[in-house]
Amino acid sequence: MTEDAQQIIARGPRAEAEAAAAAIERDPALESLTFSIIEEDEARAVWRIDAYPTSTEEADALIAFLRARPGLSVGIERLADADWLALALSGLPPVRAGRFFVFGAHDRGRAPSHTINLRIEAGAAFGTGHHGTTVGCLLALDALLKARRFRRVLDVGTGTGVLALAAARTGAHRAVGTDIDPVSVRIARENGLINRVRRPHCAFVRADGLGAPVVREGGPYDLVMANILAPPLVRLAPAIRRATRPGGVIVLSGLLRGQARRVLAAYRSQGCVLVRRLNRDAWATLVLKRPG
């Protein structure tokens, strides 16, 4: 870990910020980096990358990488010796995405009576519902549910479990969430208990890919959601198609708008057809169908 927790901030035009974010994802030295990209100032067309390195080596590599891009200004802020993630989450407002209302413990009294309310505690996992990719997936699910129900659902890269829990709360007979990170799996299970969604209705497992027995046993799936990064989305295209029932639906996110074409090409090569594309901030969500 770094001696002092750091937040590295880079600002610049949208094209430069998106190009830098895409390059970060491709850099093996930065593969474990936690970062986000948002539009900071619409009037001035300023976009911002916020990154949180977990080691001195990762911080040094990122700073050098960002400073080598002339279109970006780079700053470094020291974070106080506190649970800054918990503090940040405590100030986040609830999120409404179609029929879904996602909130933290600090907003328990604000949940409406006419929505599907999901209390999500993030801890060290990704997926509070605030990120553009998570909102995109929830909006995609909301739209899909207007036409059909999904009895078997797979959530690849589940993070906090929010997508699997959303599926379980909207009629899925079996929802399976997978993640390569054991901490995320633990937090997802805790969120399942908080939301009173338990096995066998909903299960969270640690898995690298789709080969785990519980994943295979639960398939084929009527709906597969994968909110991860573009490179693993491309790599997993054949496995995700196989896990999806003919006529089933695939929802992909975790990719920047500029990466959508590459990801879409990988799934089209597997015979999948684009149904819908949602854009939110710098991020894209793809809804595809595996032909029957």
Protein backbone atom coordinates (compact mmCIF):
# COMPACT_ATOMS: atom_id res chain seq x y z
CA MET A 1 0.00 0.00 0.00
CA THR A 2 1.09 3.60 -0.45
CA GLU A 3 2.43 5.24 2.70
CA ASP A 4 -0.37 7.81 2.44
CA ALA A 5 -3.54 7.17 0.47
CA GLN A 6 -3.59 9.24 -2.71
CA GLN A 7 -6.16 10.44 -5.17
CA ILE A 8 -4.72 11.31 -8.57
CA ILE A 9 -6.82 13.70 -10.65
CA ALA A 10 -6.39 14.43 -14.35
CA ARG A 11 -8.45 17.05 -16.19
CA GLY A 12 -8.78 17.83 -19.86
CA PRO A 13 -10.98 17.70 -22.98
CA ARG A 14 -13.31 14.73 -23.34
CA ALA A 15 -11.41 13.13 -26.22
CA GLU A 16 -8.12 13.27 -24.33
CA ALA A 17 -9.65 12.00 -21.09
CA GLU A 18 -11.43 9.10 -22.81
CA ALA A 19 -8.28 8.18 -24.73
CA ALA A 20 -6.29 8.18 -21.49
CA ALA A 21 -8.91 6.04 -19.71
CA ALA A 22 -8.91 3.52 -22.55
CA ALA A 23 -5.10 3.38 -22.48
CA ILE A 24 -5.09 2.82 -18.71
CA GLU A 25 -7.31 -0.23 -19.19
CA ARG A 26 -4.86 -1.67 -21.74
CA ASP A 27 -1.76 -1.11 -19.60
CA PRO A 28 -0.76 -4.29 -17.68
CA ALA A 29 1.03 -2.19 -15.04
CA LEU A 30 -2.29 -0.48 -14.21
CA GLU A 31 -4.68 -3.44 -14.53
CA SER A 32 -5.70 -3.36 -10.84
CA LEU A 33 -6.17 0.42 -10.69
CA THR A 34 -9.50 1.78 -9.44
CA PHE A 35 -10.52 4.85 -11.43
CA SER A 36 -13.51 6.69 -12.86
CA ILE A 37 -14.09 9.21 -15.62
CA ILE A 38 -16.82 11.87 -15.46
CA GLU A 39 -17.81 15.16 -17.06
CA GLU A 40 -16.78 17.75 -14.46
CA ASP A 41 -17.81 21.01 -16.17
CA GLU A 42 -20.23 20.84 -19.10
CA ALA A 43 -19.99 24.58 -19.85
CA ARG A 44 -16.20 24.45 -20.13
CA ALA A 45 -16.14 20.94 -21.66
CA VAL A 46 -13.82 19.64 -18.94
CA TRP A 47 -13.67 15.93 -18.14
CA ARG A 48 -11.94 14.42 -15.11
CA ILE A 49 -10.26 11.12 -14.27
CA ASP A 50 -10.14 10.20 -10.57
CA ALA A 51 -7.75 7.36 -9.71
CA TYR A 52 -6.89 5.66 -6.41
CA PRO A 53 -3.59 3.74 -6.61
CA THR A 54 -2.91 1.11 -3.96
CA SER A 55 0.89 1.06 -4.11
CA THR A 56 3.73 3.51 -4.58
CA GLU A 57 4.73 1.73 -7.79
CA GLU A 58 1.22 1.98 -9.21
CA ALA A 59 1.00 5.66 -8.25
CA ASP A 60 4.35 6.47 -9.87
CA ALA A 61 3.45 4.60 -13.05
CA LEU A 62 0.08 6.36 -13.33
CA ILE A 63 1.49 9.84 -12.70
CA ALA A 64 4.17 9.34 -15.34
CA PHE A 65 1.59 7.98 -17.76
CA LEU A 66 -0.82 10.90 -17.31
CA ARG A 67 1.86 13.60 -17.37
CA ALA A 68 3.08 12.25 -20.71
CA ARG A 69 -0.26 13.26 -22.25
CA PRO A 70 -0.03 17.01 -23.01
CA GLY A 71 -3.81 17.52 -23.11
CA LEU A 72 -4.23 16.66 -19.42
CA SER A 73 -3.40 18.56 -16.25
CA VAL A 74 -2.50 16.25 -13.38
CA GLY A 75 -2.87 16.82 -9.64
CA ILE A 76 -2.26 14.70 -6.55
CA GLU A 77 -4.23 14.89 -3.32
CA ARG A 78 -3.38 13.17 -0.06
CA LEU A 79 -6.34 11.44 1.53
CA ALA A 80 -6.79 11.66 5.27
CA ASP A 81 -6.02 8.61 7.40
CA ALA A 82 -9.63 7.52 7.57
CA ASP A 83 -12.04 5.18 5.85
CA TRP A 84 -12.35 7.59 2.93
CA LEU A 85 -14.36 5.13 0.86
CA ALA A 86 -17.00 4.83 3.55
CA LEU A 87 -17.02 8.59 4.01
CA ALA A 88 -17.47 9.13 0.28
CA LEU A 89 -20.30 6.61 0.09
CA SER A 90 -22.07 8.20 3.07
CA GLY A 91 -22.54 11.36 1.02
CA LEU A 92 -23.87 9.68 -2.11
CA PRO A 93 -27.54 10.27 -2.83
CA PRO A 94 -29.91 7.40 -3.70
CA VAL A 95 -30.15 6.38 -7.34
CA ARG A 96 -33.37 5.88 -9.31
CA ALA A 97 -33.07 3.74 -12.44
CA GLY A 98 -36.46 2.89 -13.88
CA ARG A 99 -38.32 0.77 -11.32
CA PHE A 100 -35.19 0.36 -9.18
CA PHE A 101 -34.23 2.56 -6.23
CA VAL A 102 -30.71 1.93 -4.90
CA PHE A 103 -29.69 3.43 -1.58
CA GLY A 104 -27.29 3.08 1.35
CA ALA A 105 -27.98 2.73 5.05
CA HIS A 106 -27.85 6.51 5.49
CA ASP A 107 -30.91 6.90 3.22
CA ARG A 108 -33.13 4.12 4.54
CA GLY A 109 -35.94 6.55 5.26
CA ARG A 110 -36.06 7.89 1.69
CA ALA A 111 -37.02 4.69 -0.16
CA PRO A 112 -40.37 5.11 -1.99
CA SER A 113 -43.14 2.58 -1.52
CA HIS A 114 -43.77 2.06 -5.24
CA THR A 115 -40.24 1.09 -6.37
CA ILE A 116 -38.07 -2.00 -6.05
CA ASN A 117 -35.77 -0.86 -3.28
CA LEU A 118 -32.26 -2.26 -3.01
CA ARG A 119 -30.11 -1.33 -0.05
CA ILE A 120 -26.51 -1.73 -1.19
CA GLU A 121 -23.50 -1.40 1.11
CA ALA A 122 -20.37 -1.25 -1.04
CA GLY A 123 -17.54 -1.76 1.45
CA ALA A 124 -14.50 -2.35 -0.77
CA ALA A 125 -16.51 -3.67 -3.73
CA PHE A 126 -17.62 -1.89 -6.89
CA GLY A 127 -21.26 -1.21 -7.66
CA THR A 128 -23.13 1.28 -5.50
CA GLY A 129 -25.50 1.99 -8.36
CA HIS A 130 -24.05 5.46 -8.98
CA HIS A 131 -21.60 4.56 -11.73
CA GLY A 132 -22.79 5.08 -15.30
CA THR A 133 -22.22 1.41 -16.12
CA THR A 134 -24.32 0.13 -13.21
CA VAL A 135 -27.12 2.60 -13.94
CA GLY A 136 -26.98 1.58 -17.61
CA CYS A 137 -27.43 -2.09 -16.69
CA LEU A 138 -30.32 -1.32 -14.34
CA LEU A 139 -32.05 0.79 -16.99
CA ALA A 140 -31.52 -1.97 -19.55
CA LEU A 141 -33.00 -4.54 -17.16
CA ASP A 142 -35.96 -2.26 -16.41
CA ALA A 143 -36.72 -1.91 -20.13
CA LEU A 144 -36.35 -5.65 -20.78
CA LEU A 145 -38.72 -6.52 -17.94
CA LYS A 146 -41.50 -4.59 -19.65
CA ALA A 147 -41.61 -7.28 -22.32
CA ARG A 148 -40.62 -10.51 -20.56
CA ARG A 149 -39.41 -12.18 -17.37
CA PHE A 150 -36.11 -13.97 -16.90
CA ARG A 151 -36.16 -17.15 -14.81
CA ARG A 152 -32.40 -17.79 -14.88
CA VAL A 153 -29.95 -14.87 -14.67
CA LEU A 154 -26.15 -14.73 -14.53
CA ASP A 155 -24.30 -11.63 -13.30
CA VAL A 156 -20.62 -11.77 -14.31
CA GLY A 157 -18.39 -9.47 -12.22
CA THR A 158 -21.10 -8.97 -9.63
CA GLY A 159 -19.22 -6.56 -7.33
CA THR A 160 -21.74 -5.65 -4.62
CA GLY A 161 -24.32 -7.98 -6.14
CA VAL A 162 -26.69 -5.18 -7.12
CA LEU A 163 -27.56 -6.57 -10.59
CA ALA A 164 -28.13 -10.14 -9.42
CA LEU A 165 -30.25 -8.85 -6.55
CA ALA A 166 -32.26 -6.67 -8.94
CA ALA A 167 -32.94 -9.76 -11.06
CA ALA A 168 -33.88 -11.84 -8.04
CA ARG A 169 -36.30 -9.17 -6.85
CA THR A 170 -38.02 -9.04 -10.25
CA GLY A 171 -38.93 -12.68 -10.69
CA ALA A 172 -35.74 -14.59 -11.46
CA HIS A 173 -36.09 -18.15 -10.17
CA ARG A 174 -32.31 -18.46 -10.04
CA ALA A 175 -29.77 -15.58 -10.03
CA VAL A 176 -26.05 -16.33 -9.89
CA GLY A 177 -23.44 -13.62 -9.31
CA THR A 178 -19.74 -14.30 -9.89
CA ASP A 179 -16.61 -12.30 -9.17
CA ILE A 180 -12.87 -12.97 -9.17
CA ASP A 181 -12.50 -10.96 -5.95
CA PRO A 182 -13.36 -12.86 -2.74
CA VAL A 183 -14.04 -9.59 -0.88
CA SER A 184 -16.68 -8.67 -3.47
CA VAL A 185 -18.31 -12.08 -3.11
CA ARG A 186 -18.48 -11.66 0.67
CA ILE A 187 -20.00 -8.19 0.35
CA ALA A 188 -22.51 -9.40 -2.27
CA ARG A 189 -23.62 -12.18 0.09
CA GLU A 190 -24.02 -9.65 2.90
CA ASN A 191 -26.13 -7.47 0.62
CA GLY A 192 -28.23 -10.51 -0.19
CA LEU A 193 -28.97 -10.94 3.52
CA ILE A 194 -29.72 -7.23 3.91
CA ASN A 195 -32.23 -7.45 1.04
CA ARG A 196 -33.62 -10.81 2.25
CA VAL A 197 -32.57 -12.64 -0.88
CA ARG A 198 -30.95 -15.97 -0.05
CA ARG A 199 -29.85 -19.27 -1.56
CA PRO A 200 -30.96 -21.11 -3.59
CA HIS A 201 -32.87 -18.21 -5.09
CA CYS A 202 -29.69 -16.15 -5.39
CA ALA A 203 -26.07 -17.32 -5.06
CA PHE A 204 -22.75 -15.50 -5.15
CA VAL A 205 -19.55 -17.38 -5.94
CA ARG A 206 -15.91 -16.62 -6.60
CA ALA A 207 -15.10 -17.61 -10.18
CA ASP A 208 -12.57 -16.61 -12.81
CA GLY A 209 -14.61 -17.00 -15.98
CA LEU A 210 -17.74 -19.09 -16.40
CA GLY A 211 -16.34 -22.54 -15.64
CA ALA A 212 -17.31 -22.84 -11.97
CA PRO A 213 -19.68 -25.78 -11.27
CA VAL A 214 -22.41 -23.58 -9.75
CA VAL A 215 -22.31 -21.38 -12.86
CA ARG A 216 -22.56 -24.32 -15.26
CA GLU A 217 -25.29 -25.99 -13.21
CA GLY A 218 -27.42 -22.85 -13.25
CA GLY A 219 -27.37 -22.48 -17.03
CA PRO A 220 -28.22 -22.00 -19.72
CA TYR A 221 -29.39 -18.53 -18.73
CA ASP A 222 -32.25 -16.45 -20.06
CA LEU A 223 -30.26 -13.30 -19.24
CA VAL A 224 -26.52 -12.79 -18.80
CA MET A 225 -25.26 -9.43 -17.49
CA ALA A 226 -21.55 -8.59 -17.46
CA ASN A 227 -20.49 -5.23 -16.06
CA ILE A 228 -16.71 -5.59 -16.24
CA LEU A 229 -14.03 -4.09 -18.51
CA ALA A 230 -13.78 -4.15 -22.28
CA PRO A 231 -10.81 -6.58 -22.60
CA PRO A 232 -12.40 -9.35 -20.50
CA LEU A 233 -15.75 -8.74 -22.22
CA VAL A 234 -14.06 -9.49 -25.54
CA ARG A 235 -12.18 -12.49 -24.16
CA LEU A 236 -15.33 -13.97 -22.58
CA ALA A 237 -17.54 -13.55 -25.67
CA PRO A 238 -17.59 -17.28 -26.62
CA ALA A 239 -18.21 -18.38 -23.01
CA ILE A 240 -20.97 -15.82 -22.46
CA ARG A 241 -22.71 -16.86 -25.69
CA ARG A 242 -22.56 -20.53 -24.63
CA ALA A 243 -23.97 -19.67 -21.21
CA THR A 244 -26.92 -17.85 -22.80
CA ARG A 245 -29.98 -19.81 -23.82
CA PRO A 246 -30.95 -19.53 -27.53
CA GLY A 247 -33.27 -16.54 -27.67
CA GLY A 248 -31.74 -15.19 -24.46
CA VAL A 249 -30.43 -11.70 -23.80
CA ILE A 250 -26.94 -10.41 -23.00
CA VAL A 251 -26.31 -7.04 -21.30
CA LEU A 252 -22.72 -5.77 -21.43
CA SER A 253 -21.23 -2.74 -19.71
CA GLY A 254 -18.06 -1.47 -18.09
CA LEU A 255 -16.86 -0.11 -21.43
CA LEU A 256 -16.21 3.40 -22.64
CA ARG A 257 -18.21 4.63 -25.62
CA GLY A 258 -15.13 4.40 -27.81
CA GLN A 259 -14.71 0.71 -26.91
CA ALA A 260 -18.26 -0.31 -27.82
CA ARG A 261 -17.45 -1.10 -31.46
CA ARG A 262 -14.68 -3.53 -30.51
CA VAL A 263 -16.83 -5.30 -27.92
CA LEU A 264 -19.81 -5.45 -30.25
CA ALA A 265 -17.67 -6.97 -33.02
CA ALA A 266 -16.60 -9.78 -30.66
CA TYR A 267 -20.23 -10.72 -29.91
CA ARG A 268 -21.42 -10.34 -33.47
CA SER A 269 -18.75 -12.87 -34.42
CA GLN A 270 -20.55 -15.22 -32.01
CA GLY A 271 -23.85 -14.68 -33.82
CA CYS A 272 -25.32 -12.18 -31.33
CA VAL A 273 -27.46 -9.28 -32.54
CA LEU A 274 -27.48 -5.75 -31.10
CA VAL A 275 -30.91 -4.81 -29.71
CA ARG A 276 -30.16 -1.55 -27.93
CA ARG A 277 -27.32 0.72 -26.87
CA LEU A 278 -27.49 3.06 -23.87
CA ASN A 279 -24.98 5.84 -23.24
CA ARG A 280 -24.46 7.46 -19.85
CA ASP A 281 -21.62 9.89 -19.22
CA ALA A 282 -18.56 8.40 -20.95
CA TRP A 283 -19.88 4.84 -20.70
CA ALA A 284 -21.87 2.53 -22.95
CA THR A 285 -24.20 -0.38 -22.22
CA LEU A 286 -24.97 -2.90 -24.96
CA VAL A 287 -28.08 -5.10 -25.07
CA LEU A 288 -27.77 -8.09 -27.39
CA LYS A 289 -29.78 -11.17 -28.23
CA ARG A 290 -28.59 -14.68 -28.98
CA PRO A 291 -30.78 -15.87 -31.85
CA GLY A 292 -33.01 -18.87 -31.16
